[in-house]
């Protein structure tokens, strides 16, 4: 029997070696968990920034649209004043009456750019936003916007009735010429879509009651413009405050 033959059995590890192995394994698992958690948090932060960047861009478009629609509504309210001044003359100018009434049946409708809001709602992204002021601003803006769109529908219904009454009162030949020669340029430049006719035939219905009903319909439709402008000004104020809050917290993180 050889005296120098190595022992087949390894010596037992000391207890602290097992402890060190456990600590190393624990640290590796813990670091992996934290790394994964940080990746998830960063991914959610990137989504939050992306959503709010889209809302910021939507708000800029909306604010520009508010300004245009408010200006357009005010122009038509001024035109309504001119119509009533013309009616009250001893000898109203017939081409002017056609011109005022036909243009007053037009409207500028506000169309919200709400892709960002739709995106954040459909994806459940509201839970990612930590700023209470931004959340409240979004809720206020969307709530007032929805009620304003209902008011827009009310005006559209009133204008539709007015157009039916125009078909009853206006001479077909004069209306045709106005339709044929209407301005078809940029809606943000044009103030009056229909031109004053060079010649206007008398109204088909000449009784005072029918004509008075037409003027009342025009006036009631335009009255809604005043209420809409109040809403649009309020919405524009909310939109500007909301956008300022978004830019204050996230603006330096937006990447073009």
Protein backbone atom coordinates (compact mmCIF):
# COMPACT_ATOMS: atom_id res chain seq x y z
CA UNK A 1 0.00 0.00 0.00
CA UNK A 2 1.41 3.32 -1.17
CA UNK A 3 1.80 5.85 1.59
CA UNK A 4 1.69 8.90 -0.71
CA UNK A 5 -1.67 8.07 -2.44
CA UNK A 6 -3.96 11.16 -2.29
CA UNK A 7 -7.16 10.97 -0.36
CA UNK A 8 -10.23 10.54 -2.67
CA UNK A 9 -12.39 12.60 -0.35
CA UNK A 10 -12.16 16.42 -0.34
CA UNK A 11 -12.04 18.05 3.06
CA UNK A 12 -15.30 19.55 4.24
CA UNK A 13 -15.84 23.29 3.60
CA UNK A 14 -15.75 25.57 6.53
CA UNK A 15 -19.13 27.01 7.60
CA UNK A 16 -18.20 30.56 6.60
CA UNK A 17 -17.55 29.41 3.01
CA UNK A 18 -21.20 28.35 2.74
CA UNK A 19 -22.21 31.66 4.29
CA UNK A 20 -20.17 33.61 1.74
CA UNK A 21 -21.69 31.56 -1.10
CA UNK A 22 -25.17 32.34 0.22
CA UNK A 23 -24.38 36.06 0.51
CA UNK A 24 -23.02 36.17 -3.04
CA UNK A 25 -26.07 34.37 -4.42
CA UNK A 26 -28.41 36.64 -2.45
CA UNK A 27 -26.63 39.77 -3.70
CA UNK A 28 -26.75 38.54 -7.32
CA UNK A 29 -30.48 37.81 -7.14
CA UNK A 30 -31.22 41.08 -5.36
CA UNK A 31 -29.23 43.14 -7.88
CA UNK A 32 -30.98 41.37 -10.72
CA UNK A 33 -34.36 42.16 -9.17
CA UNK A 34 -33.47 45.82 -8.69
CA UNK A 35 -32.07 46.08 -12.21
CA UNK A 36 -35.28 44.66 -13.67
CA UNK A 37 -37.36 46.97 -11.47
CA UNK A 38 -35.34 50.00 -12.62
CA UNK A 39 -35.82 48.99 -16.26
CA UNK A 40 -39.58 48.76 -15.72
CA UNK A 41 -39.65 52.13 -13.96
CA UNK A 42 -37.66 53.77 -16.76
CA UNK A 43 -39.91 52.23 -19.40
CA UNK A 44 -43.00 53.60 -17.62
CA UNK A 45 -41.31 57.00 -17.23
CA UNK A 46 -40.59 57.07 -20.95
CA UNK A 47 -44.23 56.23 -21.68
CA UNK A 48 -45.39 58.99 -19.31
CA UNK A 49 -43.15 61.53 -21.06
CA UNK A 50 -44.32 60.37 -24.49
CA UNK A 51 -48.01 60.66 -23.55
CA UNK A 52 -47.61 64.14 -22.09
CA UNK A 53 -45.56 65.31 -25.08
CA UNK A 54 -48.46 64.28 -27.33
CA UNK A 55 -50.94 66.11 -25.07
CA UNK A 56 -48.69 69.20 -25.12
CA UNK A 57 -48.67 69.19 -28.93
CA UNK A 58 -52.45 68.68 -29.04
CA UNK A 59 -52.98 71.63 -26.69
CA UNK A 60 -50.92 73.93 -28.92
CA UNK A 61 -53.11 72.99 -31.89
CA UNK A 62 -56.28 73.46 -29.83
CA UNK A 63 -55.22 76.89 -28.56
CA UNK A 64 -54.60 78.04 -32.13
CA UNK A 65 -58.01 76.69 -33.20
CA UNK A 66 -59.73 78.40 -30.26
CA UNK A 67 -58.30 81.75 -31.31
CA UNK A 68 -59.50 81.30 -34.89
CA UNK A 69 -63.02 80.11 -33.98
CA UNK A 70 -63.52 82.90 -31.41
CA UNK A 71 -62.46 85.49 -33.99
CA UNK A 72 -64.74 83.93 -36.61
CA UNK A 73 -67.72 83.88 -34.23
CA UNK A 74 -67.14 87.53 -33.36
CA UNK A 75 -67.06 88.44 -37.05
CA UNK A 76 -70.44 86.81 -37.57
CA UNK A 77 -71.89 88.55 -34.53
CA UNK A 78 -70.75 91.83 -36.08
CA UNK A 79 -72.37 90.78 -39.36
CA UNK A 80 -75.61 90.12 -37.46
CA UNK A 81 -75.54 93.71 -36.22
CA UNK A 82 -75.19 94.88 -39.82
CA UNK A 83 -78.15 92.75 -40.88
CA UNK A 84 -80.43 94.27 -38.27
CA UNK A 85 -79.27 97.77 -39.16
CA UNK A 86 -80.12 97.06 -42.80
CA UNK A 87 -83.55 95.65 -41.94
CA UNK A 88 -84.39 98.77 -39.92
CA UNK A 89 -83.70 101.10 -42.85
CA UNK A 90 -86.67 102.68 -44.64
CA UNK A 91 -85.57 101.01 -47.90
CA UNK A 92 -83.36 97.97 -47.13
CA UNK A 93 -80.87 96.99 -49.83
CA UNK A 94 -81.98 93.61 -51.17
CA UNK A 95 -78.51 92.35 -52.27
CA UNK A 96 -77.20 93.22 -48.80
CA UNK A 97 -79.99 91.22 -47.13
CA UNK A 98 -79.13 88.18 -49.25
CA UNK A 99 -75.46 88.68 -48.45
CA UNK A 100 -75.91 89.00 -44.68
CA UNK A 101 -78.44 86.20 -44.24
CA UNK A 102 -76.59 83.68 -46.41
CA UNK A 103 -73.24 84.26 -44.71
CA UNK A 104 -74.82 84.11 -41.26
CA UNK A 105 -75.85 80.51 -41.85
CA UNK A 106 -72.17 79.53 -41.95
CA UNK A 107 -70.23 78.55 -38.84
CA UNK A 108 -66.71 77.81 -37.72
CA UNK A 109 -66.63 74.54 -35.83
CA UNK A 110 -63.94 73.80 -33.30
CA UNK A 111 -62.20 70.46 -33.85
CA UNK A 112 -60.05 69.29 -30.98
CA UNK A 113 -56.75 67.56 -31.60
CA UNK A 114 -57.25 64.87 -28.95
CA UNK A 115 -54.94 62.05 -30.05
CA UNK A 116 -52.84 62.39 -26.91
CA UNK A 117 -55.87 62.28 -24.61
CA UNK A 118 -57.30 59.28 -26.45
CA UNK A 119 -53.97 57.49 -26.25
CA UNK A 120 -53.46 58.02 -22.53
CA UNK A 121 -57.05 56.93 -21.75
CA UNK A 122 -57.02 53.79 -23.90
CA UNK A 123 -53.68 52.62 -22.47
CA UNK A 124 -54.46 53.35 -18.83
CA UNK A 125 -51.68 55.92 -18.78
CA UNK A 126 -53.31 58.16 -16.16
CA UNK A 127 -51.82 55.96 -13.43
CA UNK A 128 -48.35 56.99 -14.60
CA UNK A 129 -48.91 60.71 -13.99
CA UNK A 130 -47.87 61.76 -10.50
CA UNK A 131 -48.56 65.49 -10.81
CA UNK A 132 -52.02 66.14 -9.34
CA UNK A 133 -52.30 69.54 -11.06
CA UNK A 134 -51.81 67.95 -14.48
CA UNK A 135 -54.37 65.22 -13.78
CA UNK A 136 -56.93 67.79 -12.58
CA UNK A 137 -56.22 69.98 -15.62
CA UNK A 138 -56.76 67.11 -18.05
CA UNK A 139 -60.04 66.16 -16.35
CA UNK A 140 -61.31 69.77 -16.32
CA UNK A 141 -60.35 70.30 -19.94
CA UNK A 142 -61.95 67.10 -21.20
CA UNK A 143 -65.16 67.62 -19.19
CA UNK A 144 -65.71 71.18 -20.44
CA UNK A 145 -64.75 70.17 -23.98
CA UNK A 146 -67.41 67.44 -24.05
CA UNK A 147 -70.16 69.79 -22.86
CA UNK A 148 -69.07 72.43 -25.39
CA UNK A 149 -69.36 69.93 -28.23
CA UNK A 150 -72.99 69.38 -27.21
CA UNK A 151 -73.54 73.12 -27.51
CA UNK A 152 -71.97 72.97 -30.97
CA UNK A 153 -74.56 70.33 -31.93
CA UNK A 154 -77.35 72.59 -30.67
CA UNK A 155 -76.11 75.41 -32.91
CA UNK A 156 -75.86 73.04 -35.87
CA UNK A 157 -79.50 72.00 -35.39
CA UNK A 158 -80.58 75.65 -35.25
CA UNK A 159 -78.59 76.52 -38.40
CA UNK A 160 -80.11 73.56 -40.21
CA UNK A 161 -83.59 74.94 -39.52
CA UNK A 162 -82.40 78.34 -40.77
CA UNK A 163 -81.17 76.85 -44.06
CA UNK A 164 -84.54 75.18 -44.62
CA UNK A 165 -86.23 78.54 -44.08
CA UNK A 166 -83.81 80.18 -46.54
CA UNK A 167 -84.88 77.63 -49.16
CA UNK A 168 -88.44 78.81 -48.59
CA UNK A 169 -87.71 82.56 -48.71
CA UNK A 170 -84.78 83.09 -51.13
CA UNK A 171 -85.19 83.41 -54.86
CA UNK A 172 -83.66 80.28 -56.45
CA UNK A 173 -81.85 82.19 -59.21
CA UNK A 174 -80.20 84.63 -56.80
CA UNK A 175 -79.21 81.82 -54.42
CA UNK A 176 -77.74 79.87 -57.34
CA UNK A 177 -75.58 82.81 -58.42
CA UNK A 178 -74.31 83.28 -54.87
CA UNK A 179 -73.51 79.59 -54.59
CA UNK A 180 -71.76 79.55 -57.97
CA UNK A 181 -69.63 82.61 -57.19
CA UNK A 182 -68.77 81.82 -53.57
CA UNK A 183 -65.25 82.17 -52.23
CA UNK A 184 -63.48 78.84 -51.85
CA UNK A 185 -60.15 79.99 -50.42
CA UNK A 186 -58.49 79.36 -47.07
CA UNK A 187 -61.15 79.34 -44.36
CA UNK A 188 -58.75 81.10 -41.97
CA UNK A 189 -58.42 84.06 -44.32
CA UNK A 190 -61.96 84.43 -45.61
CA UNK A 191 -64.42 86.38 -43.49
CA UNK A 192 -67.39 86.04 -45.86
CA UNK A 193 -67.83 82.92 -47.93
CA UNK A 194 -70.64 84.27 -50.11
CA UNK A 195 -70.26 87.47 -52.13
CA UNK A 196 -72.88 90.19 -52.30
CA UNK A 197 -74.93 89.48 -55.46
CA UNK A 198 -74.75 92.08 -58.20
CA UNK A 199 -78.49 91.68 -58.72
CA UNK A 200 -81.01 90.19 -56.29
CA UNK A 201 -84.55 89.18 -57.18
CA UNK A 202 -87.27 89.83 -54.57
CA UNK A 203 -87.78 87.21 -51.89
CA UNK A 204 -90.25 84.52 -52.93
CA UNK A 205 -92.24 84.83 -49.68
CA UNK A 206 -93.02 88.47 -48.97
CA UNK A 207 -95.24 88.22 -45.90
CA UNK A 208 -93.79 89.72 -42.77
CA UNK A 209 -94.37 86.63 -40.58
CA UNK A 210 -92.27 84.26 -42.72
CA UNK A 211 -89.43 86.73 -43.16
CA UNK A 212 -89.51 87.54 -39.45
CA UNK A 213 -89.25 83.82 -38.63
CA UNK A 214 -86.15 83.58 -40.84
CA UNK A 215 -84.48 86.52 -39.08
CA UNK A 216 -85.36 85.06 -35.67
CA UNK A 217 -83.77 81.73 -36.64
CA UNK A 218 -80.61 83.53 -37.79
CA UNK A 219 -80.49 85.53 -34.56
CA UNK A 220 -81.05 82.52 -32.30
CA UNK A 221 -78.31 80.55 -34.08
CA UNK A 222 -75.86 83.42 -33.72
CA UNK A 223 -76.81 83.86 -30.07
CA UNK A 224 -75.29 80.44 -29.42
CA UNK A 225 -72.01 81.84 -30.76
CA UNK A 226 -71.80 84.14 -27.74
CA UNK A 227 -72.17 81.18 -25.36
CA UNK A 228 -69.66 79.17 -27.38
CA UNK A 229 -67.13 81.98 -27.18
CA UNK A 230 -67.46 82.03 -23.40
CA UNK A 231 -66.75 78.30 -23.35
CA UNK A 232 -63.87 78.59 -25.82
CA UNK A 233 -62.22 81.33 -23.78
CA UNK A 234 -62.53 79.21 -20.64
CA UNK A 235 -61.17 76.16 -22.45
CA UNK A 236 -58.28 78.18 -23.83
CA UNK A 237 -57.44 79.37 -20.31
CA UNK A 238 -57.48 75.79 -18.98
CA UNK A 239 -55.43 74.59 -21.95
CA UNK A 240 -52.75 77.24 -21.38
CA UNK A 241 -52.50 76.50 -17.65
CA UNK A 242 -52.37 72.75 -18.30
CA UNK A 243 -49.70 73.15 -20.95
CA UNK A 244 -47.65 75.39 -18.64
CA UNK A 245 -47.81 72.71 -15.92
CA UNK A 246 -46.74 70.01 -18.39
CA UNK A 247 -43.85 72.07 -19.75
CA UNK A 248 -42.71 73.03 -16.24
CA UNK A 249 -42.27 69.40 -15.19
CA UNK A 250 -41.59 67.58 -18.46
CA UNK A 251 -40.57 70.16 -21.05
CA UNK A 252 -36.82 69.58 -20.69
CA UNK A 253 -37.39 65.84 -21.25
CA UNK A 254 -39.26 66.20 -24.54
CA UNK A 255 -37.14 65.04 -27.46
CA UNK A 256 -37.97 66.08 -31.02
